[in-house]
Each structure stands twice: as structure tokens, then as C-alpha cells.
Amino acid sequence: MATYGIQEIHTSQLANNLSRATLIGLTLLTATASSAMGGSSFAKEAAITLDQARAAATKAQPGTILDQELEHRKGGSGLRYSFDIKVGAITHEVGIDAKTGTVLQNSAEKR
């Protein structure tokens, strides 16, 4: 019968607790990210994915995406991904056609 020192038991318990905490954190992060986009009920109408639209938007306007939504709006196919992208002190609105991937809008928001 093997005997374990107190340090080995605590290390094993710590590793198990960290694994559980990581799993819970990843689950929450995934749930938050997937529900964070407004208009997700329109996703089945889109021909391009959110990831493809994000790539097109950040190629057109490099920066940090602050907000994103999928919406029906005039122009293009009528369905677009809309991104607010921060560049320095300025926020740009970038619209990507959800059926073709075409950049429909890239303008600084007026505040």
C-alpha cells in the first residue's frame, strides 16, 4: 500500500480544482460569446459565418471590435453584420453583407 505525503495530496487536489475551474470558465466564455451577438436569430439566413465577417471587417478597418450584430438593413442583400471597431479614440462602424461578404460600410461614428 502506497503512502502519500500531505504535499502530494494537496497538489493533486489543486490540479483537480484548477481543471474544474478552467472547464467552468470555458463553458461560460463560450456561452457568453455565442449569445453576445445581437440578431443571432438571423444567422440561418447568412451565407457567411460570423468569423468570416469579423475577418472581413478587421481587414477593412483594423482595430478592436467593441460590438457586433446581425441585422436586416437596407443595402446589399438586406442582411448585414455590423461591427463597431475602435481605432485609437475613434469608433468606426463597419458593415459586411451577410450573404456575399462585401464591405457595405466603413465610416467613423459621429459622437
PDB file of N, CA and C in Angstrom:
ATOM      1  N   MET A   1       0.846  -1.163   0.000  1.00  0.00           N
ATOM      2  CA  MET A   1       0.000   0.000   0.000  1.00  0.00           C
ATOM      3  C   MET A   1       0.903   1.241   0.000  1.00  0.00           C
ATOM      4  N   ALA A   2       0.630   2.136  -0.936  1.00  0.00           N
ATOM      5  CA  ALA A   2       1.452   3.340  -1.059  1.00  0.00           C
ATOM      6  C   ALA A   2       0.979   4.395  -0.073  1.00  0.00           C
ATOM      7  N   THR A   3       1.913   5.136   0.408  1.00  0.00           N
ATOM      8  CA  THR A   3       1.552   6.255   1.279  1.00  0.00           C
ATOM      9  C   THR A   3       1.915   7.541   0.555  1.00  0.00           C
ATOM     10  N   TYR A   4       1.075   8.533   0.717  1.00  0.00           N
ATOM     11  CA  TYR A   4       1.288   9.818   0.064  1.00  0.00           C
ATOM     12  C   TYR A   4       1.507  10.880   1.116  1.00  0.00           C
ATOM     13  N   GLY A   5       2.403  11.759   0.817  1.00  0.00           N
ATOM     14  CA  GLY A   5       2.650  12.873   1.719  1.00  0.00           C
ATOM     15  C   GLY A   5       1.552  13.920   1.576  1.00  0.00           C
ATOM     16  N   ILE A   6       1.421  14.761   2.552  1.00  0.00           N
ATOM     17  CA  ILE A   6       0.407  15.807   2.537  1.00  0.00           C
ATOM     18  C   ILE A   6       0.590  16.706   1.318  1.00  0.00           C
ATOM     19  N   GLN A   7       1.818  17.016   0.961  1.00  0.00           N
ATOM     20  CA  GLN A   7       2.088  17.892  -0.189  1.00  0.00           C
ATOM     21  C   GLN A   7       1.544  17.273  -1.473  1.00  0.00           C
ATOM     22  N   GLU A   8       1.733  15.952  -1.666  1.00  0.00           N
ATOM     23  CA  GLU A   8       1.250  15.297  -2.869  1.00  0.00           C
ATOM     24  C   GLU A   8      -0.264  15.337  -2.954  1.00  0.00           C
ATOM     25  N   ILE A   9      -0.970  15.147  -1.856  1.00  0.00           N
ATOM     26  CA  ILE A   9      -2.430  15.172  -1.841  1.00  0.00           C
ATOM     27  C   ILE A   9      -2.928  16.573  -2.174  1.00  0.00           C
ATOM     28  N   HIS A  10      -2.337  17.592  -1.561  1.00  0.00           N
ATOM     29  CA  HIS A  10      -2.766  18.960  -1.835  1.00  0.00           C
ATOM     30  C   HIS A  10      -2.506  19.337  -3.294  1.00  0.00           C
ATOM     31  N   THR A  11      -1.397  18.904  -3.839  1.00  0.00           N
ATOM     32  CA  THR A  11      -1.081  19.195  -5.233  1.00  0.00           C
ATOM     33  C   THR A  11      -2.104  18.540  -6.148  1.00  0.00           C
ATOM     34  N   SER A  12      -2.466  17.296  -5.857  1.00  0.00           N
ATOM     35  CA  SER A  12      -3.452  16.591  -6.659  1.00  0.00           C
ATOM     36  C   SER A  12      -4.817  17.275  -6.561  1.00  0.00           C
ATOM     37  N   GLN A  13      -5.221  17.687  -5.379  1.00  0.00           N
ATOM     38  CA  GLN A  13      -6.498  18.379  -5.194  1.00  0.00           C
ATOM     39  C   GLN A  13      -6.481  19.725  -5.917  1.00  0.00           C
ATOM     40  N   LEU A  14      -5.377  20.415  -5.849  1.00  0.00           N
ATOM     41  CA  LEU A  14      -5.254  21.704  -6.528  1.00  0.00           C
ATOM     42  C   LEU A  14      -5.387  21.518  -8.038  1.00  0.00           C
ATOM     43  N   ALA A  15      -4.737  20.509  -8.575  1.00  0.00           N
ATOM     44  CA  ALA A  15      -4.816  20.241 -10.009  1.00  0.00           C
ATOM     45  C   ALA A  15      -6.249  19.926 -10.422  1.00  0.00           C
ATOM     46  N   ASN A  16      -6.962  19.127  -9.635  1.00  0.00           N
ATOM     47  CA  ASN A  16      -8.357  18.805  -9.931  1.00  0.00           C
ATOM     48  C   ASN A  16      -9.224  20.054  -9.877  1.00  0.00           C
ATOM     49  N   ASN A  17      -9.018  20.893  -8.868  1.00  0.00           N
ATOM     50  CA  ASN A  17      -9.805  22.118  -8.739  1.00  0.00           C
ATOM     51  C   ASN A  17      -9.528  23.080  -9.893  1.00  0.00           C
ATOM     52  N   LEU A  18      -8.260  23.191 -10.302  1.00  0.00           N
ATOM     53  CA  LEU A  18      -7.932  24.053 -11.433  1.00  0.00           C
ATOM     54  C   LEU A  18      -8.559  23.534 -12.721  1.00  0.00           C
ATOM     55  N   SER A  19      -8.570  22.229 -12.908  1.00  0.00           N
ATOM     56  CA  SER A  19      -9.195  21.644 -14.095  1.00  0.00           C
ATOM     57  C   SER A  19     -10.685  21.947 -14.126  1.00  0.00           C
ATOM     58  N   ARG A  20     -11.340  21.796 -12.996  1.00  0.00           N
ATOM     59  CA  ARG A  20     -12.779  22.100 -12.918  1.00  0.00           C
ATOM     60  C   ARG A  20     -13.039  23.579 -13.180  1.00  0.00           C
ATOM     61  N   ALA A  21     -12.239  24.454 -12.575  1.00  0.00           N
ATOM     62  CA  ALA A  21     -12.424  25.895 -12.745  1.00  0.00           C
ATOM     63  C   ALA A  21     -12.199  26.301 -14.204  1.00  0.00           C
ATOM     64  N   THR A  22     -11.213  25.708 -14.847  1.00  0.00           N
ATOM     65  CA  THR A  22     -10.941  26.001 -16.248  1.00  0.00           C
ATOM     66  C   THR A  22     -12.108  25.568 -17.116  1.00  0.00           C
ATOM     67  N   LEU A  23     -12.633  24.381 -16.883  1.00  0.00           N
ATOM     68  CA  LEU A  23     -13.762  23.868 -17.647  1.00  0.00           C
ATOM     69  C   LEU A  23     -14.982  24.763 -17.468  1.00  0.00           C
ATOM     70  N   ILE A  24     -15.265  25.165 -16.257  1.00  0.00           N
ATOM     71  CA  ILE A  24     -16.407  26.043 -15.991  1.00  0.00           C
ATOM     72  C   ILE A  24     -16.197  27.386 -16.686  1.00  0.00           C
ATOM     73  N   GLY A  25     -14.996  27.930 -16.589  1.00  0.00           N
ATOM     74  CA  GLY A  25     -14.693  29.207 -17.232  1.00  0.00           C
ATOM     75  C   GLY A  25     -14.856  29.146 -18.737  1.00  0.00           C
ATOM     76  N   LEU A  26     -14.369  28.088 -19.358  1.00  0.00           N
ATOM     77  CA  LEU A  26     -14.502  27.944 -20.808  1.00  0.00           C
ATOM     78  C   LEU A  26     -15.960  27.783 -21.218  1.00  0.00           C
ATOM     79  N   THR A  27     -16.727  27.057 -20.425  1.00  0.00           N
ATOM     80  CA  THR A  27     -18.149  26.894 -20.713  1.00  0.00           C
ATOM     81  C   THR A  27     -18.861  28.235 -20.660  1.00  0.00           C
ATOM     82  N   LEU A  28     -18.582  29.029 -19.633  1.00  0.00           N
ATOM     83  CA  LEU A  28     -19.208  30.350 -19.515  1.00  0.00           C
ATOM     84  C   LEU A  28     -18.770  31.276 -20.636  1.00  0.00           C
ATOM     85  N   LEU A  29     -17.500  31.239 -20.989  1.00  0.00           N
ATOM     86  CA  LEU A  29     -16.986  32.083 -22.051  1.00  0.00           C
ATOM     87  C   LEU A  29     -17.641  31.732 -23.384  1.00  0.00           C
ATOM     88  N   THR A  30     -17.773  30.457 -23.675  1.00  0.00           N
ATOM     89  CA  THR A  30     -18.398  30.018 -24.911  1.00  0.00           C
ATOM     90  C   THR A  30     -19.861  30.431 -24.952  1.00  0.00           C
ATOM     91  N   ALA A  31     -20.572  30.248 -23.859  1.00  0.00           N
ATOM     92  CA  ALA A  31     -21.983  30.630 -23.803  1.00  0.00           C
ATOM     93  C   ALA A  31     -22.138  32.128 -23.976  1.00  0.00           C
ATOM     94  N   THR A  32     -21.272  32.908 -23.361  1.00  0.00           N
ATOM     95  CA  THR A  32     -21.338  34.363 -23.467  1.00  0.00           C
ATOM     96  C   THR A  32     -21.021  34.809 -24.876  1.00  0.00           C
ATOM     97  N   ALA A  33     -19.982  34.265 -25.473  1.00  0.00           N
ATOM     98  CA  ALA A  33     -19.587  34.674 -26.820  1.00  0.00           C
ATOM     99  C   ALA A  33     -20.661  34.325 -27.842  1.00  0.00           C
ATOM    100  N   SER A  34     -21.288  33.169 -27.722  1.00  0.00           N
ATOM    101  CA  SER A  34     -22.277  32.763 -28.705  1.00  0.00           C
ATOM    102  C   SER A  34     -23.572  33.546 -28.573  1.00  0.00           C
ATOM    103  N   SER A  35     -23.865  34.083 -27.393  1.00  0.00           N
ATOM    104  CA  SER A  35     -25.096  34.842 -27.226  1.00  0.00           C
ATOM    105  C   SER A  35     -24.846  36.337 -27.246  1.00  0.00           C
ATOM    106  N   ALA A  36     -23.581  36.750 -27.417  1.00  0.00           N
ATOM    107  CA  ALA A  36     -23.245  38.164 -27.359  1.00  0.00           C
ATOM    108  C   ALA A  36     -23.634  38.922 -28.612  1.00  0.00           C
ATOM    109  N   MET A  37     -23.882  38.258 -29.725  1.00  0.00           N
ATOM    110  CA  MET A  37     -24.205  38.948 -30.959  1.00  0.00           C
ATOM    111  C   MET A  37     -25.702  39.175 -31.058  1.00  0.00           C
ATOM    112  N   GLY A  38     -26.084  40.433 -31.194  1.00  0.00           N
ATOM    113  CA  GLY A  38     -27.482  40.738 -31.439  1.00  0.00           C
ATOM    114  C   GLY A  38     -27.886  40.223 -32.805  1.00  0.00           C
ATOM    115  N   GLY A  39     -29.139  39.807 -32.966  1.00  0.00           N
ATOM    116  CA  GLY A  39     -29.633  39.334 -34.250  1.00  0.00           C
ATOM    117  C   GLY A  39     -29.238  37.921 -34.592  1.00  0.00           C
ATOM    118  N   SER A  40     -28.789  37.151 -33.614  1.00  0.00           N
ATOM    119  CA  SER A  40     -28.326  35.789 -33.909  1.00  0.00           C
ATOM    120  C   SER A  40     -29.444  34.908 -34.458  1.00  0.00           C
ATOM    121  N   SER A  41     -30.700  35.330 -34.291  1.00  0.00           N
ATOM    122  CA  SER A  41     -31.804  34.548 -34.849  1.00  0.00           C
ATOM    123  C   SER A  41     -31.812  34.603 -36.378  1.00  0.00           C
ATOM    124  N   PHE A  42     -31.088  35.573 -36.972  1.00  0.00           N
ATOM    125  CA  PHE A  42     -30.996  35.675 -38.424  1.00  0.00           C
ATOM    126  C   PHE A  42     -29.855  34.845 -38.996  1.00  0.00           C
ATOM    127  N   ALA A  43     -29.071  34.214 -38.158  1.00  0.00           N
ATOM    128  CA  ALA A  43     -27.854  33.518 -38.596  1.00  0.00           C
ATOM    129  C   ALA A  43     -28.128  32.473 -39.672  1.00  0.00           C
ATOM    130  N   LYS A  44     -29.268  31.821 -39.625  1.00  0.00           N
ATOM    131  CA  LYS A  44     -29.558  30.783 -40.626  1.00  0.00           C
ATOM    132  C   LYS A  44     -29.751  31.375 -42.025  1.00  0.00           C
ATOM    133  N   GLU A  45     -30.003  32.683 -42.107  1.00  0.00           N
ATOM    134  CA  GLU A  45     -30.152  33.350 -43.395  1.00  0.00           C
ATOM    135  C   GLU A  45     -28.806  33.759 -43.999  1.00  0.00           C
ATOM    136  N   ALA A  46     -27.778  33.834 -43.180  1.00  0.00           N
ATOM    137  CA  ALA A  46     -26.467  34.316 -43.623  1.00  0.00           C
ATOM    138  C   ALA A  46     -25.716  33.227 -44.381  1.00  0.00           C
ATOM    139  N   ALA A  47     -25.015  33.649 -45.432  1.00  0.00           N
ATOM    140  CA  ALA A  47     -24.197  32.706 -46.203  1.00  0.00           C
ATOM    141  C   ALA A  47     -22.767  32.655 -45.680  1.00  0.00           C
ATOM    142  N   ILE A  48     -22.337  33.709 -44.971  1.00  0.00           N
ATOM    143  CA  ILE A  48     -21.005  33.694 -44.384  1.00  0.00           C
ATOM    144  C   ILE A  48     -21.136  33.638 -42.867  1.00  0.00           C
ATOM    145  N   THR A  49     -20.137  33.099 -42.219  1.00  0.00           N
ATOM    146  CA  THR A  49     -20.169  32.943 -40.769  1.00  0.00           C
ATOM    147  C   THR A  49     -19.758  34.242 -40.075  1.00  0.00           C
ATOM    148  N   LEU A  50     -20.027  34.309 -38.798  1.00  0.00           N
ATOM    149  CA  LEU A  50     -19.597  35.453 -38.002  1.00  0.00           C
ATOM    150  C   LEU A  50     -18.081  35.598 -38.061  1.00  0.00           C
ATOM    151  N   ASP A  51     -17.351  34.501 -37.972  1.00  0.00           N
ATOM    152  CA  ASP A  51     -15.881  34.556 -38.029  1.00  0.00           C
ATOM    153  C   ASP A  51     -15.395  35.119 -39.360  1.00  0.00           C
ATOM    154  N   GLN A  52     -16.041  34.723 -40.461  1.00  0.00           N
ATOM    155  CA  GLN A  52     -15.667  35.247 -41.775  1.00  0.00           C
ATOM    156  C   GLN A  52     -15.969  36.747 -41.860  1.00  0.00           C
ATOM    157  N   ALA A  53     -17.107  37.157 -41.319  1.00  0.00           N
ATOM    158  CA  ALA A  53     -17.481  38.572 -41.329  1.00  0.00           C
ATOM    159  C   ALA A  53     -16.525  39.392 -40.460  1.00  0.00           C
ATOM    160  N   ARG A  54     -16.155  38.846 -39.300  1.00  0.00           N
ATOM    161  CA  ARG A  54     -15.195  39.542 -38.424  1.00  0.00           C
ATOM    162  C   ARG A  54     -13.851  39.730 -39.147  1.00  0.00           C
ATOM    163  N   ALA A  55     -13.408  38.711 -39.849  1.00  0.00           N
ATOM    164  CA  ALA A  55     -12.140  38.795 -40.582  1.00  0.00           C
ATOM    165  C   ALA A  55     -12.228  39.867 -41.672  1.00  0.00           C
ATOM    166  N   ALA A  56     -13.338  39.912 -42.397  1.00  0.00           N
ATOM    167  CA  ALA A  56     -13.515  40.918 -43.443  1.00  0.00           C
ATOM    168  C   ALA A  56     -13.569  42.324 -42.844  1.00  0.00           C
ATOM    169  N   ALA A  57     -14.247  42.464 -41.713  1.00  0.00           N
ATOM    170  CA  ALA A  57     -14.384  43.773 -41.068  1.00  0.00           C
ATOM    171  C   ALA A  57     -13.042  44.287 -40.564  1.00  0.00           C
ATOM    172  N   THR A  58     -12.271  43.421 -39.924  1.00  0.00           N
ATOM    173  CA  THR A  58     -10.979  43.870 -39.391  1.00  0.00           C
ATOM    174  C   THR A  58      -9.928  44.030 -40.493  1.00  0.00           C
ATOM    175  N   LYS A  59     -10.153  43.396 -41.640  1.00  0.00           N
ATOM    176  CA  LYS A  59      -9.272  43.638 -42.788  1.00  0.00           C
ATOM    177  C   LYS A  59      -9.581  45.032 -43.353  1.00  0.00           C
ATOM    178  N   ALA A  60     -10.865  45.372 -43.433  1.00  0.00           N
ATOM    179  CA  ALA A  60     -11.271  46.687 -43.949  1.00  0.00           C
ATOM    180  C   ALA A  60     -10.911  47.802 -42.970  1.00  0.00           C
ATOM    181  N   GLN A  61     -11.017  47.516 -41.674  1.00  0.00           N
ATOM    182  CA  GLN A  61     -10.723  48.523 -40.650  1.00  0.00           C
ATOM    183  C   GLN A  61     -10.048  47.847 -39.462  1.00  0.00           C
ATOM    184  N   PRO A  62      -8.722  47.754 -39.480  1.00  0.00           N
ATOM    185  CA  PRO A  62      -8.014  47.132 -38.358  1.00  0.00           C
ATOM    186  C   PRO A  62      -8.308  47.874 -37.050  1.00  0.00           C
ATOM    187  N   GLY A  63      -8.494  47.133 -35.990  1.00  0.00           N
ATOM    188  CA  GLY A  63      -8.766  47.697 -34.675  1.00  0.00           C
ATOM    189  C   GLY A  63      -9.380  46.650 -33.778  1.00  0.00           C
ATOM    190  N   THR A  64      -9.993  47.107 -32.694  1.00  0.00           N
ATOM    191  CA  THR A  64     -10.611  46.218 -31.713  1.00  0.00           C
ATOM    192  C   THR A  64     -12.121  46.249 -31.867  1.00  0.00           C
ATOM    193  N   ILE A  65     -12.739  45.089 -32.073  1.00  0.00           N
ATOM    194  CA  ILE A  65     -14.193  45.017 -32.196  1.00  0.00           C
ATOM    195  C   ILE A  65     -14.810  45.198 -30.814  1.00  0.00           C
ATOM    196  N   LEU A  66     -15.662  46.223 -30.701  1.00  0.00           N
ATOM    197  CA  LEU A  66     -16.344  46.508 -29.439  1.00  0.00           C
ATOM    198  C   LEU A  66     -17.735  45.894 -29.389  1.00  0.00           C
ATOM    199  N   ASP A  67     -18.407  45.853 -30.540  1.00  0.00           N
ATOM    200  CA  ASP A  67     -19.787  45.367 -30.581  1.00  0.00           C
ATOM    201  C   ASP A  67     -20.036  44.766 -31.957  1.00  0.00           C
ATOM    202  N   GLN A  68     -20.978  43.849 -32.013  1.00  0.00           N
ATOM    203  CA  GLN A  68     -21.312  43.203 -33.285  1.00  0.00           C
ATOM    204  C   GLN A  68     -22.768  42.794 -33.268  1.00  0.00           C
ATOM    205  N   GLU A  69     -23.384  42.847 -34.443  1.00  0.00           N
ATOM    206  CA  GLU A  69     -24.750  42.365 -34.552  1.00  0.00           C
ATOM    207  C   GLU A  69     -25.035  41.953 -35.980  1.00  0.00           C
ATOM    208  N   LEU A  70     -26.031  41.134 -36.134  1.00  0.00           N
ATOM    209  CA  LEU A  70     -26.518  40.708 -37.429  1.00  0.00           C
ATOM    210  C   LEU A  70     -27.898  41.313 -37.565  1.00  0.00           C
ATOM    211  N   GLU A  71     -28.112  42.090 -38.628  1.00  0.00           N
ATOM    212  CA  GLU A  71     -29.362  42.840 -38.719  1.00  0.00           C
ATOM    213  C   GLU A  71     -29.867  42.927 -40.148  1.00  0.00           C
ATOM    214  N   HIS A  72     -31.179  43.120 -40.276  1.00  0.00           N
ATOM    215  CA  HIS A  72     -31.783  43.434 -41.561  1.00  0.00           C
ATOM    216  C   HIS A  72     -31.689  44.939 -41.721  1.00  0.00           C
ATOM    217  N   ARG A  73     -31.136  45.367 -42.852  1.00  0.00           N
ATOM    218  CA  ARG A  73     -30.943  46.797 -43.088  1.00  0.00           C
ATOM    219  C   ARG A  73     -30.804  47.024 -44.585  1.00  0.00           C
ATOM    220  N   LYS A  74     -31.269  48.146 -45.060  1.00  0.00           N
ATOM    221  CA  LYS A  74     -31.187  48.461 -46.486  1.00  0.00           C
ATOM    222  C   LYS A  74     -29.734  48.447 -46.949  1.00  0.00           C
ATOM    223  N   GLY A  75     -29.561  48.025 -48.187  1.00  0.00           N
ATOM    224  CA  GLY A  75     -28.225  47.969 -48.786  1.00  0.00           C
ATOM    225  C   GLY A  75     -27.760  46.542 -48.933  1.00  0.00           C
ATOM    226  N   GLY A  76     -27.104  46.281 -50.041  1.00  0.00           N
ATOM    227  CA  GLY A  76     -26.614  44.923 -50.277  1.00  0.00           C
ATOM    228  C   GLY A  76     -27.768  43.937 -50.355  1.00  0.00           C
ATOM    229  N   SER A  77     -27.589  42.791 -49.722  1.00  0.00           N
ATOM    230  CA  SER A  77     -28.627  41.755 -49.736  1.00  0.00           C
ATOM    231  C   SER A  77     -29.742  42.038 -48.727  1.00  0.00           C
ATOM    232  N   GLY A  78     -29.527  43.048 -47.889  1.00  0.00           N
ATOM    233  CA  GLY A  78     -30.522  43.373 -46.865  1.00  0.00           C
ATOM    234  C   GLY A  78     -30.219  42.740 -45.511  1.00  0.00           C
ATOM    235  N   LEU A  79     -29.212  41.885 -45.464  1.00  0.00           N
ATOM    236  CA  LEU A  79     -28.798  41.270 -44.209  1.00  0.00           C
ATOM    237  C   LEU A  79     -27.316  41.565 -44.029  1.00  0.00           C
ATOM    238  N   ARG A  80     -26.964  42.167 -42.907  1.00  0.00           N
ATOM    239  CA  ARG A  80     -25.564  42.541 -42.702  1.00  0.00           C
ATOM    240  C   ARG A  80     -25.112  42.287 -41.279  1.00  0.00           C
ATOM    241  N   TYR A  81     -23.821  42.011 -41.191  1.00  0.00           N
ATOM    242  CA  TYR A  81     -23.137  42.012 -39.906  1.00  0.00           C
ATOM    243  C   TYR A  81     -22.666  43.453 -39.714  1.00  0.00           C
ATOM    244  N   SER A  82     -22.895  44.000 -38.555  1.00  0.00           N
ATOM    245  CA  SER A  82     -22.468  45.356 -38.254  1.00  0.00           C
ATOM    246  C   SER A  82     -21.505  45.308 -37.073  1.00  0.00           C
ATOM    247  N   PHE A  83     -20.354  45.944 -37.231  1.00  0.00           N
ATOM    248  CA  PHE A  83     -19.312  45.927 -36.205  1.00  0.00           C
ATOM    249  C   PHE A  83     -18.945  47.348 -35.808  1.00  0.00           C
ATOM    250  N   ASP A  84     -18.770  47.571 -34.525  1.00  0.00           N
ATOM    251  CA  ASP A  84     -18.168  48.798 -34.018  1.00  0.00           C
ATOM    252  C   ASP A  84     -16.715  48.455 -33.720  1.00  0.00           C
ATOM    253  N   ILE A  85     -15.807  49.127 -34.422  1.00  0.00           N
ATOM    254  CA  ILE A  85     -14.378  48.833 -34.296  1.00  0.00           C
ATOM    255  C   ILE A  85     -13.662  50.084 -33.809  1.00  0.00           C
ATOM    256  N   LYS A  86     -12.976  49.946 -32.686  1.00  0.00           N
ATOM    257  CA  LYS A  86     -12.259  51.070 -32.079  1.00  0.00           C
ATOM    258  C   LYS A  86     -10.840  51.138 -32.611  1.00  0.00           C
ATOM    259  N   VAL A  87     -10.478  52.340 -33.075  1.00  0.00           N
ATOM    260  CA  VAL A  87      -9.131  52.616 -33.561  1.00  0.00           C
ATOM    261  C   VAL A  87      -8.682  53.886 -32.857  1.00  0.00           C
ATOM    262  N   GLY A  88      -7.809  53.743 -31.880  1.00  0.00           N
ATOM    263  CA  GLY A  88      -7.417  54.904 -31.081  1.00  0.00           C
ATOM    264  C   GLY A  88      -8.627  55.439 -30.338  1.00  0.00           C
ATOM    265  N   ALA A  89      -8.931  56.722 -30.528  1.00  0.00           N
ATOM    266  CA  ALA A  89     -10.073  57.346 -29.851  1.00  0.00           C
ATOM    267  C   ALA A  89     -11.333  57.322 -30.715  1.00  0.00           C
ATOM    268  N   ILE A  90     -11.224  56.791 -31.928  1.00  0.00           N
ATOM    269  CA  ILE A  90     -12.339  56.826 -32.878  1.00  0.00           C
ATOM    270  C   ILE A  90     -12.954  55.434 -33.020  1.00  0.00           C
ATOM    271  N   THR A  91     -14.290  55.402 -33.066  1.00  0.00           N
ATOM    272  CA  THR A  91     -15.014  54.152 -33.307  1.00  0.00           C
ATOM    273  C   THR A  91     -15.586  54.191 -34.721  1.00  0.00           C
ATOM    274  N   HIS A  92     -15.314  53.141 -35.475  1.00  0.00           N
ATOM    275  CA  HIS A  92     -15.806  53.026 -36.846  1.00  0.00           C
ATOM    276  C   HIS A  92     -16.941  52.008 -36.873  1.00  0.00           C
ATOM    277  N   GLU A  93     -17.929  52.271 -37.733  1.00  0.00           N
ATOM    278  CA  GLU A  93     -18.954  51.263 -37.977  1.00  0.00           C
ATOM    279  C   GLU A  93     -18.627  50.611 -39.307  1.00  0.00           C
ATOM    280  N   VAL A  94     -18.506  49.295 -39.278  1.00  0.00           N
ATOM    281  CA  VAL A  94     -18.188  48.535 -40.482  1.00  0.00           C
ATOM    282  C   VAL A  94     -19.317  47.538 -40.722  1.00  0.00           C
ATOM    283  N   GLY A  95     -19.911  47.620 -41.904  1.00  0.00           N
ATOM    284  CA  GLY A  95     -20.988  46.712 -42.278  1.00  0.00           C
ATOM    285  C   GLY A  95     -20.513  45.726 -43.324  1.00  0.00           C
ATOM    286  N   ILE A  96     -20.783  44.448 -43.081  1.00  0.00           N
ATOM    287  CA  ILE A  96     -20.398  43.370 -44.004  1.00  0.00           C
ATOM    288  C   ILE A  96     -21.666  42.650 -44.449  1.00  0.00           C
ATOM    289  N   ASP A  97     -21.867  42.550 -45.764  1.00  0.00           N
ATOM    290  CA  ASP A  97     -23.039  41.840 -46.281  1.00  0.00           C
ATOM    291  C   ASP A  97     -22.972  40.376 -45.832  1.00  0.00           C
ATOM    292  N   ALA A  98     -24.011  39.912 -45.202  1.00  0.00           N
ATOM    293  CA  ALA A  98     -24.016  38.563 -44.628  1.00  0.00           C
ATOM    294  C   ALA A  98     -24.206  37.456 -45.654  1.00  0.00           C
ATOM    295  N   LYS A  99     -24.532  37.841 -46.885  1.00  0.00           N
ATOM    296  CA  LYS A  99     -24.703  36.829 -47.932  1.00  0.00           C
ATOM    297  C   LYS A  99     -23.543  36.804 -48.918  1.00  0.00           C
ATOM    298  N   THR A 100     -22.838  37.944 -49.069  1.00  0.00           N
ATOM    299  CA  THR A 100     -21.758  37.999 -50.058  1.00  0.00           C
ATOM    300  C   THR A 100     -20.383  38.272 -49.455  1.00  0.00           C
ATOM    301  N   GLY A 101     -20.334  38.830 -48.238  1.00  0.00           N
ATOM    302  CA  GLY A 101     -19.067  39.181 -47.611  1.00  0.00           C
ATOM    303  C   GLY A 101     -18.531  40.537 -48.051  1.00  0.00           C
ATOM    304  N   THR A 102     -19.287  41.267 -48.846  1.00  0.00           N
ATOM    305  CA  THR A 102     -18.878  42.577 -49.339  1.00  0.00           C
ATOM    306  C   THR A 102     -18.919  43.614 -48.219  1.00  0.00           C
ATOM    307  N   VAL A 103     -17.938  44.506 -48.207  1.00  0.00           N
ATOM    308  CA  VAL A 103     -17.951  45.607 -47.247  1.00  0.00           C
ATOM    309  C   VAL A 103     -18.977  46.626 -47.742  1.00  0.00           C
ATOM    310  N   LEU A 104     -20.005  46.875 -46.918  1.00  0.00           N
ATOM    311  CA  LEU A 104     -21.057  47.809 -47.270  1.00  0.00           C
ATOM    312  C   LEU A 104     -20.855  49.188 -46.645  1.00  0.00           C
ATOM    313  N   GLN A 105     -20.140  49.231 -45.543  1.00  0.00           N
ATOM    314  CA  GLN A 105     -19.958  50.480 -44.827  1.00  0.00           C
ATOM    315  C   GLN A 105     -18.651  50.421 -44.062  1.00  0.00           C
ATOM    316  N   ASN A 106     -17.958  51.562 -44.016  1.00  0.00           N
ATOM    317  CA  ASN A 106     -16.762  51.707 -43.201  1.00  0.00           C
ATOM    318  C   ASN A 106     -16.629  53.196 -42.920  1.00  0.00           C
ATOM    319  N   SER A 107     -17.223  53.619 -41.818  1.00  0.00           N
ATOM    320  CA  SER A 107     -17.233  55.055 -41.524  1.00  0.00           C
ATOM    321  C   SER A 107     -17.035  55.299 -40.028  1.00  0.00           C
ATOM    322  N   ALA A 108     -16.414  56.454 -39.739  1.00  0.00           N
ATOM    323  CA  ALA A 108     -16.240  56.863 -38.348  1.00  0.00           C
ATOM    324  C   ALA A 108     -17.606  57.281 -37.809  1.00  0.00           C
ATOM    325  N   GLU A 109     -17.927  56.796 -36.627  1.00  0.00           N
ATOM    326  CA  GLU A 109     -19.193  57.177 -36.000  1.00  0.00           C
ATOM    327  C   GLU A 109     -19.085  58.596 -35.468  1.00  0.00           C
ATOM    328  N   LYS A 110     -20.141  59.341 -35.647  1.00  0.00           N
ATOM    329  CA  LYS A 110     -20.186  60.699 -35.125  1.00  0.00           C
ATOM    330  C   LYS A 110     -20.721  60.649 -33.702  1.00  0.00           C
ATOM    331  N   ARG A 111     -20.035  61.287 -32.785  1.00  0.00           N
ATOM    332  CA  ARG A 111     -20.453  61.255 -31.383  1.00  0.00           C
ATOM    333  C   ARG A 111     -20.862  62.627 -30.944  1.00  0.00           C
TER     334      ARG A 111
END
